Amino acid sequence: MAQSETDELEARLIELQVDRLKYLFDPFDPFPTPTRDLSRGAEDFIVGWARDLPPRSAIRLRIYLTHEEERTSDRAALKAAISRHFSYKADRVSGDLRELLAIGRLALVIGLCVLVACILLRQVLLSVLPQGAVSGIIAEGLVIVGWVANWRPIEIFLYDWWPVLRKRSLYRRLAIAEVEIVPVAAVAAGAVP
């Protein structure tokens, strides 16, 4: 395996320091830690850093906590909450992707019907109207309208689904990320590189 492929596949580290564990979670979520959602700020920070990492590399998340909280925190519950949060986000994005493709299919059916109707109307107009500038403009205008009606489905199937797929992949990588909890005191003592 080439050196660049090895570098791309090794786990990349995202570091996050929180003063209190409660700041990591959404304050309006009343459920216990394993089922709580991450706060918007924590999610944006993690996703922002993860977005800059190579797309096939594994992700490690290191969370620095104060020593007192580290002793009282339930590490397994914290790791499960982070994994569950990003799994849920990936599932929501999968739903968004299905909805986008369904809209694309419907738009394609409508666009093709409009295109066929415009081409048929063009043929009728060319056979009824005498040849001239006006009939030529109307005929070409109908063809253009027919193709413009297909602009949105073409845009969806060629371009719009890629970013959604990339976001889902990122959330899935974050859902299986290795989560490491480090007390700030261990960093001060030099125990963590």
N, C-alpha and C. Protein backbone atom coordinates (compact mmCIF):
# COMPACT_ATOMS: atom_id res chain seq x y z
N MET A 1 0.85 -1.17 0.00
CA MET A 1 0.00 0.00 0.00
C MET A 1 0.89 1.23 0.00
N ALA A 2 0.57 2.22 -0.80
CA ALA A 2 1.37 3.44 -0.92
C ALA A 2 1.27 4.25 0.37
N GLN A 3 2.27 5.10 0.60
CA GLN A 3 2.32 5.90 1.82
C GLN A 3 1.10 6.82 1.94
N SER A 4 0.68 7.44 0.85
CA SER A 4 -0.46 8.35 0.93
C SER A 4 -1.74 7.60 1.27
N GLU A 5 -1.90 6.37 0.76
CA GLU A 5 -3.08 5.57 1.11
C GLU A 5 -3.04 5.18 2.57
N THR A 6 -1.87 4.85 3.10
CA THR A 6 -1.74 4.50 4.52
C THR A 6 -2.09 5.69 5.38
N ASP A 7 -1.59 6.90 5.03
CA ASP A 7 -1.91 8.10 5.78
C ASP A 7 -3.40 8.39 5.76
N GLU A 8 -4.04 8.16 4.61
CA GLU A 8 -5.45 8.45 4.47
C GLU A 8 -6.30 7.50 5.30
N LEU A 9 -5.86 6.26 5.47
CA LEU A 9 -6.66 5.27 6.18
C LEU A 9 -6.44 5.30 7.69
N GLU A 10 -5.35 5.93 8.17
CA GLU A 10 -5.13 5.97 9.61
C GLU A 10 -6.10 6.96 10.26
N ALA A 11 -6.39 6.71 11.53
CA ALA A 11 -7.38 7.53 12.23
C ALA A 11 -6.87 8.95 12.41
N ARG A 12 -7.75 9.91 12.18
CA ARG A 12 -7.44 11.32 12.36
C ARG A 12 -8.11 11.79 13.65
N LEU A 13 -7.42 12.64 14.37
CA LEU A 13 -7.84 13.06 15.69
C LEU A 13 -8.56 14.41 15.65
N ILE A 14 -9.71 14.44 16.32
CA ILE A 14 -10.43 15.69 16.55
C ILE A 14 -10.46 15.87 18.06
N GLU A 15 -9.96 17.00 18.52
CA GLU A 15 -9.89 17.26 19.95
C GLU A 15 -10.91 18.32 20.34
N LEU A 16 -11.56 18.08 21.48
CA LEU A 16 -12.61 18.96 21.97
C LEU A 16 -12.47 19.07 23.47
N GLN A 17 -12.43 20.29 23.99
CA GLN A 17 -12.35 20.47 25.44
C GLN A 17 -13.64 21.12 25.91
N VAL A 18 -14.22 20.53 26.94
CA VAL A 18 -15.42 21.10 27.55
C VAL A 18 -15.18 21.27 29.04
N ASP A 19 -15.62 22.40 29.57
CA ASP A 19 -15.46 22.66 30.99
C ASP A 19 -16.37 21.76 31.81
N ARG A 20 -17.58 21.62 31.36
CA ARG A 20 -18.57 20.78 32.03
C ARG A 20 -19.18 19.86 31.00
N LEU A 21 -19.43 18.64 31.39
CA LEU A 21 -20.00 17.64 30.49
C LEU A 21 -21.36 18.08 29.96
N LYS A 22 -22.11 18.83 30.78
CA LYS A 22 -23.44 19.27 30.36
C LYS A 22 -23.37 20.19 29.15
N TYR A 23 -22.24 20.88 28.92
CA TYR A 23 -22.11 21.77 27.77
C TYR A 23 -22.00 21.00 26.45
N LEU A 24 -21.69 19.72 26.53
CA LEU A 24 -21.57 18.89 25.34
C LEU A 24 -22.95 18.51 24.79
N PHE A 25 -23.97 18.56 25.64
CA PHE A 25 -25.31 18.11 25.25
C PHE A 25 -26.29 19.26 25.14
N ASP A 26 -27.37 18.99 24.41
CA ASP A 26 -28.43 19.96 24.22
C ASP A 26 -29.11 20.20 25.56
N PRO A 27 -29.15 21.46 26.04
CA PRO A 27 -29.73 21.71 27.36
C PRO A 27 -31.25 21.49 27.40
N PHE A 28 -31.91 21.47 26.24
CA PHE A 28 -33.36 21.28 26.21
C PHE A 28 -33.77 19.81 26.10
N ASP A 29 -32.80 18.93 26.01
CA ASP A 29 -33.08 17.51 25.90
C ASP A 29 -33.14 16.92 27.31
N PRO A 30 -34.32 16.49 27.77
CA PRO A 30 -34.47 16.06 29.16
C PRO A 30 -34.04 14.62 29.43
N PHE A 31 -33.66 13.88 28.41
CA PHE A 31 -33.37 12.47 28.58
C PHE A 31 -31.99 12.25 29.21
N PRO A 32 -31.75 11.04 29.75
CA PRO A 32 -30.43 10.75 30.32
C PRO A 32 -29.35 10.69 29.21
N THR A 33 -28.10 10.70 29.62
CA THR A 33 -26.96 10.83 28.70
C THR A 33 -26.96 9.88 27.49
N PRO A 34 -27.21 8.59 27.62
CA PRO A 34 -27.06 7.75 26.42
C PRO A 34 -28.00 8.11 25.28
N THR A 35 -29.11 8.78 25.59
CA THR A 35 -30.06 9.11 24.52
C THR A 35 -30.13 10.61 24.24
N ARG A 36 -29.28 11.38 24.85
CA ARG A 36 -29.31 12.84 24.65
C ARG A 36 -28.66 13.22 23.33
N ASP A 37 -29.10 14.35 22.80
CA ASP A 37 -28.50 14.91 21.59
C ASP A 37 -27.35 15.81 21.98
N LEU A 38 -26.36 15.89 21.09
CA LEU A 38 -25.26 16.82 21.30
C LEU A 38 -25.77 18.25 21.13
N SER A 39 -25.10 19.18 21.78
CA SER A 39 -25.47 20.59 21.59
C SER A 39 -25.10 21.00 20.17
N ARG A 40 -25.76 22.01 19.69
CA ARG A 40 -25.52 22.49 18.32
C ARG A 40 -24.06 22.93 18.16
N GLY A 41 -23.54 23.61 19.16
CA GLY A 41 -22.16 24.07 19.09
C GLY A 41 -21.15 22.93 19.03
N ALA A 42 -21.36 21.92 19.87
CA ALA A 42 -20.45 20.77 19.89
C ALA A 42 -20.54 20.01 18.56
N GLU A 43 -21.76 19.81 18.06
CA GLU A 43 -21.92 19.12 16.78
C GLU A 43 -21.26 19.90 15.64
N ASP A 44 -21.49 21.21 15.60
CA ASP A 44 -20.89 22.03 14.54
C ASP A 44 -19.37 21.97 14.58
N PHE A 45 -18.81 22.00 15.79
CA PHE A 45 -17.35 21.94 15.94
C PHE A 45 -16.82 20.61 15.42
N ILE A 46 -17.43 19.51 15.86
CA ILE A 46 -16.97 18.17 15.46
C ILE A 46 -17.13 17.96 13.96
N VAL A 47 -18.30 18.30 13.43
CA VAL A 47 -18.56 18.11 11.99
C VAL A 47 -17.65 19.02 11.17
N GLY A 48 -17.43 20.24 11.63
CA GLY A 48 -16.55 21.16 10.91
C GLY A 48 -15.14 20.62 10.77
N TRP A 49 -14.60 20.07 11.84
CA TRP A 49 -13.26 19.49 11.77
C TRP A 49 -13.25 18.20 10.96
N ALA A 50 -14.27 17.38 11.13
CA ALA A 50 -14.33 16.10 10.41
C ALA A 50 -14.46 16.32 8.90
N ARG A 51 -15.14 17.38 8.50
CA ARG A 51 -15.33 17.68 7.08
C ARG A 51 -13.99 17.93 6.38
N ASP A 52 -13.01 18.43 7.12
CA ASP A 52 -11.70 18.74 6.54
C ASP A 52 -10.77 17.52 6.46
N LEU A 53 -11.18 16.41 7.06
CA LEU A 53 -10.34 15.21 7.06
C LEU A 53 -10.51 14.45 5.74
N PRO A 54 -9.52 13.64 5.37
CA PRO A 54 -9.66 12.82 4.16
C PRO A 54 -10.90 11.94 4.26
N PRO A 55 -11.63 11.76 3.15
CA PRO A 55 -12.93 11.08 3.21
C PRO A 55 -12.91 9.62 3.61
N ARG A 56 -11.78 8.94 3.47
CA ARG A 56 -11.75 7.51 3.83
C ARG A 56 -11.04 7.25 5.15
N SER A 57 -10.55 8.29 5.80
CA SER A 57 -9.82 8.06 7.05
C SER A 57 -10.78 7.84 8.21
N ALA A 58 -10.34 7.01 9.14
CA ALA A 58 -11.11 6.80 10.37
C ALA A 58 -10.99 8.05 11.23
N ILE A 59 -11.92 8.24 12.12
CA ILE A 59 -11.92 9.44 12.97
C ILE A 59 -11.85 9.02 14.42
N ARG A 60 -11.00 9.72 15.17
CA ARG A 60 -10.92 9.57 16.62
C ARG A 60 -11.33 10.89 17.24
N LEU A 61 -12.15 10.82 18.25
CA LEU A 61 -12.60 12.01 18.95
C LEU A 61 -12.06 11.98 20.37
N ARG A 62 -11.27 12.98 20.72
CA ARG A 62 -10.71 13.06 22.08
C ARG A 62 -11.38 14.23 22.79
N ILE A 63 -12.03 13.92 23.90
CA ILE A 63 -12.74 14.92 24.68
C ILE A 63 -11.99 15.13 25.99
N TYR A 64 -11.58 16.37 26.23
CA TYR A 64 -10.89 16.72 27.46
C TYR A 64 -11.91 17.22 28.47
N LEU A 65 -11.92 16.60 29.66
CA LEU A 65 -12.83 16.98 30.74
C LEU A 65 -12.03 17.34 31.98
N THR A 66 -12.65 18.14 32.86
CA THR A 66 -12.00 18.43 34.13
C THR A 66 -11.88 17.13 34.92
N HIS A 67 -10.90 17.05 35.78
CA HIS A 67 -10.62 15.81 36.51
C HIS A 67 -11.83 15.34 37.31
N GLU A 68 -12.51 16.28 37.96
CA GLU A 68 -13.64 15.89 38.80
C GLU A 68 -14.75 15.27 37.96
N GLU A 69 -15.05 15.89 36.85
CA GLU A 69 -16.12 15.35 36.00
C GLU A 69 -15.71 14.03 35.37
N GLU A 70 -14.44 13.88 35.07
CA GLU A 70 -13.98 12.65 34.43
C GLU A 70 -14.22 11.47 35.35
N ARG A 71 -14.04 11.68 36.64
CA ARG A 71 -14.25 10.59 37.57
C ARG A 71 -15.73 10.22 37.69
N THR A 72 -16.60 11.22 37.60
CA THR A 72 -18.02 10.96 37.80
C THR A 72 -18.75 10.64 36.51
N SER A 73 -18.13 10.89 35.38
CA SER A 73 -18.84 10.67 34.11
C SER A 73 -18.87 9.18 33.75
N ASP A 74 -19.92 8.81 33.12
CA ASP A 74 -20.08 7.45 32.64
C ASP A 74 -19.52 7.40 31.22
N ARG A 75 -18.32 6.87 31.07
CA ARG A 75 -17.64 6.86 29.77
C ARG A 75 -18.44 6.12 28.71
N ALA A 76 -18.97 4.96 29.06
CA ALA A 76 -19.73 4.18 28.08
C ALA A 76 -20.98 4.93 27.63
N ALA A 77 -21.65 5.61 28.56
CA ALA A 77 -22.86 6.36 28.21
C ALA A 77 -22.50 7.54 27.30
N LEU A 78 -21.39 8.19 27.58
CA LEU A 78 -20.96 9.32 26.75
C LEU A 78 -20.62 8.86 25.34
N LYS A 79 -19.88 7.77 25.23
CA LYS A 79 -19.53 7.23 23.91
C LYS A 79 -20.79 6.80 23.16
N ALA A 80 -21.72 6.16 23.87
CA ALA A 80 -22.98 5.72 23.24
C ALA A 80 -23.81 6.91 22.77
N ALA A 81 -23.82 7.98 23.56
CA ALA A 81 -24.59 9.17 23.19
C ALA A 81 -24.04 9.80 21.92
N ILE A 82 -22.73 9.89 21.81
CA ILE A 82 -22.12 10.47 20.61
C ILE A 82 -22.39 9.59 19.40
N SER A 83 -22.22 8.30 19.56
CA SER A 83 -22.48 7.37 18.46
C SER A 83 -23.94 7.41 18.04
N ARG A 84 -24.84 7.39 19.01
CA ARG A 84 -26.27 7.43 18.70
C ARG A 84 -26.66 8.72 18.00
N HIS A 85 -26.09 9.84 18.45
CA HIS A 85 -26.40 11.14 17.85
C HIS A 85 -26.05 11.16 16.36
N PHE A 86 -24.84 10.71 16.03
CA PHE A 86 -24.42 10.77 14.63
C PHE A 86 -25.08 9.67 13.79
N SER A 87 -25.45 8.55 14.41
CA SER A 87 -26.22 7.53 13.68
C SER A 87 -27.59 8.08 13.32
N TYR A 88 -28.20 8.77 14.27
CA TYR A 88 -29.50 9.40 14.02
C TYR A 88 -29.39 10.43 12.90
N LYS A 89 -28.35 11.25 12.93
CA LYS A 89 -28.15 12.26 11.88
C LYS A 89 -27.97 11.59 10.52
N ALA A 90 -27.22 10.49 10.47
CA ALA A 90 -27.03 9.77 9.21
C ALA A 90 -28.35 9.22 8.70
N ASP A 91 -29.18 8.69 9.61
CA ASP A 91 -30.50 8.18 9.21
C ASP A 91 -31.38 9.30 8.67
N ARG A 92 -31.33 10.47 9.29
CA ARG A 92 -32.12 11.61 8.81
C ARG A 92 -31.66 12.05 7.43
N VAL A 93 -30.36 12.06 7.21
CA VAL A 93 -29.84 12.45 5.90
C VAL A 93 -30.21 11.40 4.85
N SER A 94 -30.25 10.12 5.24
CA SER A 94 -30.71 9.07 4.32
C SER A 94 -32.15 9.33 3.90
N GLY A 95 -32.97 9.75 4.84
CA GLY A 95 -34.35 10.12 4.53
C GLY A 95 -34.41 11.31 3.59
N ASP A 96 -33.53 12.29 3.83
CA ASP A 96 -33.47 13.46 2.94
C ASP A 96 -33.08 13.04 1.53
N LEU A 97 -32.14 12.10 1.43
CA LEU A 97 -31.70 11.63 0.12
C LEU A 97 -32.83 10.90 -0.61
N ARG A 98 -33.55 10.05 0.11
CA ARG A 98 -34.70 9.36 -0.50
C ARG A 98 -35.75 10.36 -0.99
N GLU A 99 -36.01 11.38 -0.18
CA GLU A 99 -36.98 12.40 -0.56
C GLU A 99 -36.50 13.19 -1.78
N LEU A 100 -35.23 13.54 -1.82
CA LEU A 100 -34.68 14.27 -2.96
C LEU A 100 -34.80 13.45 -4.24
N LEU A 101 -34.47 12.16 -4.17
CA LEU A 101 -34.57 11.31 -5.36
C LEU A 101 -36.02 11.09 -5.78
N ALA A 102 -36.94 11.04 -4.81
CA ALA A 102 -38.37 10.92 -5.16
C ALA A 102 -38.85 12.19 -5.85
N ILE A 103 -38.42 13.33 -5.36
CA ILE A 103 -38.76 14.60 -6.02
C ILE A 103 -38.16 14.62 -7.42
N GLY A 104 -36.94 14.13 -7.56
CA GLY A 104 -36.29 14.08 -8.87
C GLY A 104 -37.06 13.20 -9.85
N ARG A 105 -37.53 12.05 -9.37
CA ARG A 105 -38.30 11.15 -10.25
C ARG A 105 -39.61 11.80 -10.68
N LEU A 106 -40.31 12.44 -9.74
CA LEU A 106 -41.56 13.12 -10.08
C LEU A 106 -41.30 14.28 -11.05
N ALA A 107 -40.26 15.05 -10.77
CA ALA A 107 -39.92 16.17 -11.66
C ALA A 107 -39.53 15.66 -13.05
N LEU A 108 -38.88 14.50 -13.11
CA LEU A 108 -38.51 13.93 -14.41
C LEU A 108 -39.75 13.52 -15.21
N VAL A 109 -40.71 12.89 -14.54
CA VAL A 109 -41.95 12.50 -15.22
C VAL A 109 -42.67 13.74 -15.74
N ILE A 110 -42.78 14.77 -14.89
CA ILE A 110 -43.45 16.01 -15.31
C ILE A 110 -42.67 16.65 -16.46
N GLY A 111 -41.34 16.73 -16.32
CA GLY A 111 -40.52 17.35 -17.35
C GLY A 111 -40.61 16.64 -18.68
N LEU A 112 -40.61 15.31 -18.66
CA LEU A 112 -40.72 14.55 -19.92
C LEU A 112 -42.09 14.73 -20.55
N CYS A 113 -43.14 14.80 -19.72
CA CYS A 113 -44.48 15.04 -20.26
C CYS A 113 -44.56 16.42 -20.92
N VAL A 114 -43.99 17.42 -20.26
CA VAL A 114 -43.97 18.77 -20.84
C VAL A 114 -43.17 18.78 -22.13
N LEU A 115 -42.04 18.09 -22.16
CA LEU A 115 -41.22 18.04 -23.37
C LEU A 115 -41.98 17.39 -24.53
N VAL A 116 -42.63 16.26 -24.26
CA VAL A 116 -43.41 15.58 -25.31
C VAL A 116 -44.53 16.48 -25.80
N ALA A 117 -45.25 17.14 -24.86
CA ALA A 117 -46.34 18.03 -25.24
C ALA A 117 -45.83 19.20 -26.08
N CYS A 118 -44.69 19.76 -25.70
CA CYS A 118 -44.12 20.88 -26.47
C CYS A 118 -43.71 20.45 -27.87
N ILE A 119 -43.11 19.28 -27.99
CA ILE A 119 -42.69 18.79 -29.32
C ILE A 119 -43.92 18.51 -30.20
N LEU A 120 -44.96 17.91 -29.61
CA LEU A 120 -46.18 17.65 -30.37
C LEU A 120 -46.85 18.96 -30.79
N LEU A 121 -46.93 19.91 -29.85
CA LEU A 121 -47.52 21.22 -30.16
C LEU A 121 -46.71 21.94 -31.23
N ARG A 122 -45.42 21.80 -31.18
CA ARG A 122 -44.54 22.40 -32.21
C ARG A 122 -44.87 21.83 -33.59
N GLN A 123 -45.03 20.52 -33.65
CA GLN A 123 -45.34 19.88 -34.94
C GLN A 123 -46.70 20.36 -35.47
N VAL A 124 -47.67 20.47 -34.57
CA VAL A 124 -48.99 20.93 -34.99
C VAL A 124 -48.91 22.37 -35.50
N LEU A 125 -48.22 23.23 -34.75
CA LEU A 125 -48.09 24.64 -35.16
C LEU A 125 -47.36 24.78 -36.48
N LEU A 126 -46.32 23.99 -36.71
CA LEU A 126 -45.57 24.08 -37.97
C LEU A 126 -46.42 23.62 -39.16
N SER A 127 -47.34 22.68 -38.89
CA SER A 127 -48.19 22.22 -40.00
C SER A 127 -49.35 23.17 -40.27
N VAL A 128 -49.77 23.93 -39.26
CA VAL A 128 -50.91 24.84 -39.41
C VAL A 128 -50.47 26.23 -39.86
N LEU A 129 -49.43 26.76 -39.21
CA LEU A 129 -48.97 28.13 -39.52
C LEU A 129 -48.08 28.12 -40.76
N PRO A 130 -48.14 29.21 -41.53
CA PRO A 130 -47.25 29.29 -42.68
C PRO A 130 -45.81 29.49 -42.22
N GLN A 131 -44.86 29.02 -43.04
CA GLN A 131 -43.44 29.19 -42.72
C GLN A 131 -43.13 30.69 -42.65
N GLY A 132 -42.41 31.05 -41.62
CA GLY A 132 -42.03 32.45 -41.45
C GLY A 132 -41.30 32.64 -40.13
N ALA A 133 -40.97 33.88 -39.87
CA ALA A 133 -40.20 34.21 -38.66
C ALA A 133 -41.02 33.93 -37.41
N VAL A 134 -42.28 34.29 -37.41
CA VAL A 134 -43.12 34.11 -36.22
C VAL A 134 -43.29 32.63 -35.90
N SER A 135 -43.61 31.83 -36.90
CA SER A 135 -43.80 30.39 -36.65
C SER A 135 -42.48 29.74 -36.22
N GLY A 136 -41.36 30.19 -36.77
CA GLY A 136 -40.04 29.65 -36.37
C GLY A 136 -39.72 29.98 -34.92
N ILE A 137 -40.02 31.22 -34.51
CA ILE A 137 -39.76 31.63 -33.12
C ILE A 137 -40.63 30.83 -32.15
N ILE A 138 -41.90 30.69 -32.49
CA ILE A 138 -42.82 29.92 -31.62
C ILE A 138 -42.39 28.46 -31.54
N ALA A 139 -42.03 27.88 -32.68
CA ALA A 139 -41.62 26.48 -32.71
C ALA A 139 -40.36 26.25 -31.87
N GLU A 140 -39.36 27.10 -32.03
CA GLU A 140 -38.12 26.96 -31.25
C GLU A 140 -38.37 27.26 -29.78
N GLY A 141 -39.24 28.21 -29.49
CA GLY A 141 -39.59 28.53 -28.12
C GLY A 141 -40.22 27.35 -27.39
N LEU A 142 -41.06 26.61 -28.12
CA LEU A 142 -41.68 25.42 -27.51
C LEU A 142 -40.65 24.35 -27.19
N VAL A 143 -39.68 24.16 -28.07
CA VAL A 143 -38.62 23.17 -27.80
C VAL A 143 -37.80 23.59 -26.58
N ILE A 144 -37.50 24.88 -26.50
CA ILE A 144 -36.72 25.39 -25.36
C ILE A 144 -37.50 25.20 -24.06
N VAL A 145 -38.79 25.53 -24.08
CA VAL A 145 -39.62 25.35 -22.88
C VAL A 145 -39.63 23.88 -22.46
N GLY A 146 -39.74 22.98 -23.43
CA GLY A 146 -39.74 21.55 -23.12
C GLY A 146 -38.46 21.10 -22.44
N TRP A 147 -37.32 21.61 -22.91
CA TRP A 147 -36.05 21.22 -22.29
C TRP A 147 -35.83 21.90 -20.95
N VAL A 148 -36.28 23.15 -20.83
CA VAL A 148 -36.14 23.85 -19.55
C VAL A 148 -36.97 23.16 -18.46
N ALA A 149 -38.09 22.57 -18.85
CA ALA A 149 -38.92 21.83 -17.88
C ALA A 149 -38.17 20.64 -17.29
N ASN A 150 -37.11 20.19 -17.95
CA ASN A 150 -36.31 19.07 -17.46
C ASN A 150 -35.06 19.53 -16.70
N TRP A 151 -34.91 20.81 -16.53
CA TRP A 151 -33.72 21.35 -15.87
C TRP A 151 -33.60 20.82 -14.45
N ARG A 152 -34.66 20.90 -13.67
CA ARG A 152 -34.60 20.50 -12.26
C ARG A 152 -34.30 19.01 -12.08
N PRO A 153 -34.98 18.10 -12.79
CA PRO A 153 -34.62 16.68 -12.59
C PRO A 153 -33.19 16.38 -13.02
N ILE A 154 -32.75 17.03 -14.08
CA ILE A 154 -31.36 16.82 -14.51
C ILE A 154 -30.40 17.32 -13.44
N GLU A 155 -30.72 18.48 -12.85
CA GLU A 155 -29.88 19.03 -11.78
C GLU A 155 -29.84 18.10 -10.57
N ILE A 156 -31.00 17.55 -10.21
CA ILE A 156 -31.05 16.63 -9.06
C ILE A 156 -30.21 15.39 -9.32
N PHE A 157 -30.40 14.75 -10.48
CA PHE A 157 -29.73 13.48 -10.75
C PHE A 157 -28.25 13.63 -11.11
N LEU A 158 -27.85 14.82 -11.55
CA LEU A 158 -26.43 15.01 -11.86
C LEU A 158 -25.64 15.62 -10.72
N TYR A 159 -26.24 16.53 -9.94
CA TYR A 159 -25.45 17.30 -8.99
C TYR A 159 -25.96 17.31 -7.54
N ASP A 160 -27.26 17.41 -7.32
CA ASP A 160 -27.76 17.68 -5.98
C ASP A 160 -27.59 16.54 -4.99
N TRP A 161 -27.53 15.30 -5.43
CA TRP A 161 -27.47 14.18 -4.49
C TRP A 161 -26.07 13.95 -3.95
N TRP A 162 -25.03 14.42 -4.62
CA TRP A 162 -23.65 14.19 -4.15
C TRP A 162 -23.38 14.79 -2.77
N PRO A 163 -23.72 16.08 -2.54
CA PRO A 163 -23.45 16.63 -1.20
C PRO A 163 -24.22 15.91 -0.09
N VAL A 164 -25.43 15.47 -0.38
CA VAL A 164 -26.22 14.76 0.62
C VAL A 164 -25.56 13.42 0.95
N LEU A 165 -25.10 12.73 -0.07
CA LEU A 165 -24.42 11.45 0.13
C LEU A 165 -23.12 11.64 0.92
N ARG A 166 -22.40 12.71 0.64
CA ARG A 166 -21.16 13.01 1.36
C ARG A 166 -21.44 13.30 2.83
N LYS A 167 -22.52 14.05 3.11
CA LYS A 167 -22.88 14.36 4.49
C LYS A 167 -23.25 13.08 5.25
N ARG A 168 -24.03 12.20 4.59
CA ARG A 168 -24.41 10.94 5.24
C ARG A 168 -23.17 10.11 5.55
N SER A 169 -22.23 10.05 4.64
CA SER A 169 -20.99 9.31 4.85
C SER A 169 -20.20 9.89 6.03
N LEU A 170 -20.15 11.21 6.12
CA LEU A 170 -19.45 11.86 7.22
C LEU A 170 -20.10 11.52 8.56
N TYR A 171 -21.42 11.58 8.63
CA TYR A 171 -22.12 11.23 9.87
C TYR A 171 -21.90 9.77 10.24
N ARG A 172 -21.89 8.89 9.25
CA ARG A 172 -21.63 7.47 9.54
C ARG A 172 -20.23 7.27 10.08
N ARG A 173 -19.26 7.98 9.52
CA ARG A 173 -17.89 7.88 10.04
C ARG A 173 -17.80 8.40 11.46
N LEU A 174 -18.53 9.48 11.76
CA LEU A 174 -18.53 10.02 13.12
C LEU A 174 -19.26 9.09 14.09
N ALA A 175 -20.27 8.38 13.62
CA ALA A 175 -21.01 7.45 14.47
C ALA A 175 -20.14 6.28 14.93
N ILE A 176 -19.18 5.89 14.11
CA ILE A 176 -18.31 4.77 14.50
C ILE A 176 -16.94 5.24 14.97
N ALA A 177 -16.81 6.55 15.16
CA ALA A 177 -15.53 7.11 15.60
C ALA A 177 -15.17 6.60 16.99
N GLU A 178 -13.90 6.39 17.18
CA GLU A 178 -13.40 6.01 18.50
C GLU A 178 -13.44 7.26 19.38
N VAL A 179 -14.05 7.15 20.55
CA VAL A 179 -14.18 8.28 21.47
C VAL A 179 -13.27 8.03 22.65
N GLU A 180 -12.44 9.01 22.93
CA GLU A 180 -11.48 8.91 24.02
C GLU A 180 -11.75 10.08 24.97
N ILE A 181 -11.87 9.78 26.25
CA ILE A 181 -12.12 10.81 27.25
C ILE A 181 -10.86 10.96 28.09
N VAL A 182 -10.35 12.18 28.14
CA VAL A 182 -9.07 12.43 28.81
C VAL A 182 -9.28 13.51 29.87
N PRO A 183 -8.88 13.24 31.10
CA PRO A 183 -8.95 14.30 32.12
C PRO A 183 -7.90 15.37 31.84
N VAL A 184 -8.25 16.60 32.08
CA VAL A 184 -7.32 17.71 31.85
C VAL A 184 -6.08 17.54 32.71
N ALA A 185 -6.24 16.95 33.90
CA ALA A 185 -5.09 16.74 34.79
C ALA A 185 -4.08 15.81 34.16
N ALA A 186 -4.52 14.83 33.35
CA ALA A 186 -3.59 13.91 32.68
C ALA A 186 -2.78 14.64 31.64
N VAL A 187 -3.36 15.63 31.01
CA VAL A 187 -2.63 16.42 30.01
C VAL A 187 -1.57 17.26 30.71
N ALA A 188 -1.96 17.87 31.84
CA ALA A 188 -1.01 18.70 32.59
C ALA A 188 0.16 17.88 33.10
N ALA A 189 -0.11 16.62 33.45
CA ALA A 189 0.94 15.74 33.95
C ALA A 189 1.79 15.16 32.84
N GLY A 190 1.39 15.38 31.59
CA GLY A 190 2.15 14.86 30.46
C GLY A 190 1.84 13.43 30.11
N ALA A 191 0.74 12.88 30.62
CA ALA A 191 0.39 11.48 30.35
C ALA A 191 -0.23 11.29 28.98
N VAL A 192 -0.72 12.38 28.39
CA VAL A 192 -1.36 12.28 27.07
C VAL A 192 -0.52 13.09 26.09
N PRO A 193 -0.18 12.48 24.93
CA PRO A 193 0.63 13.23 23.95
C PRO A 193 -0.14 14.37 23.33
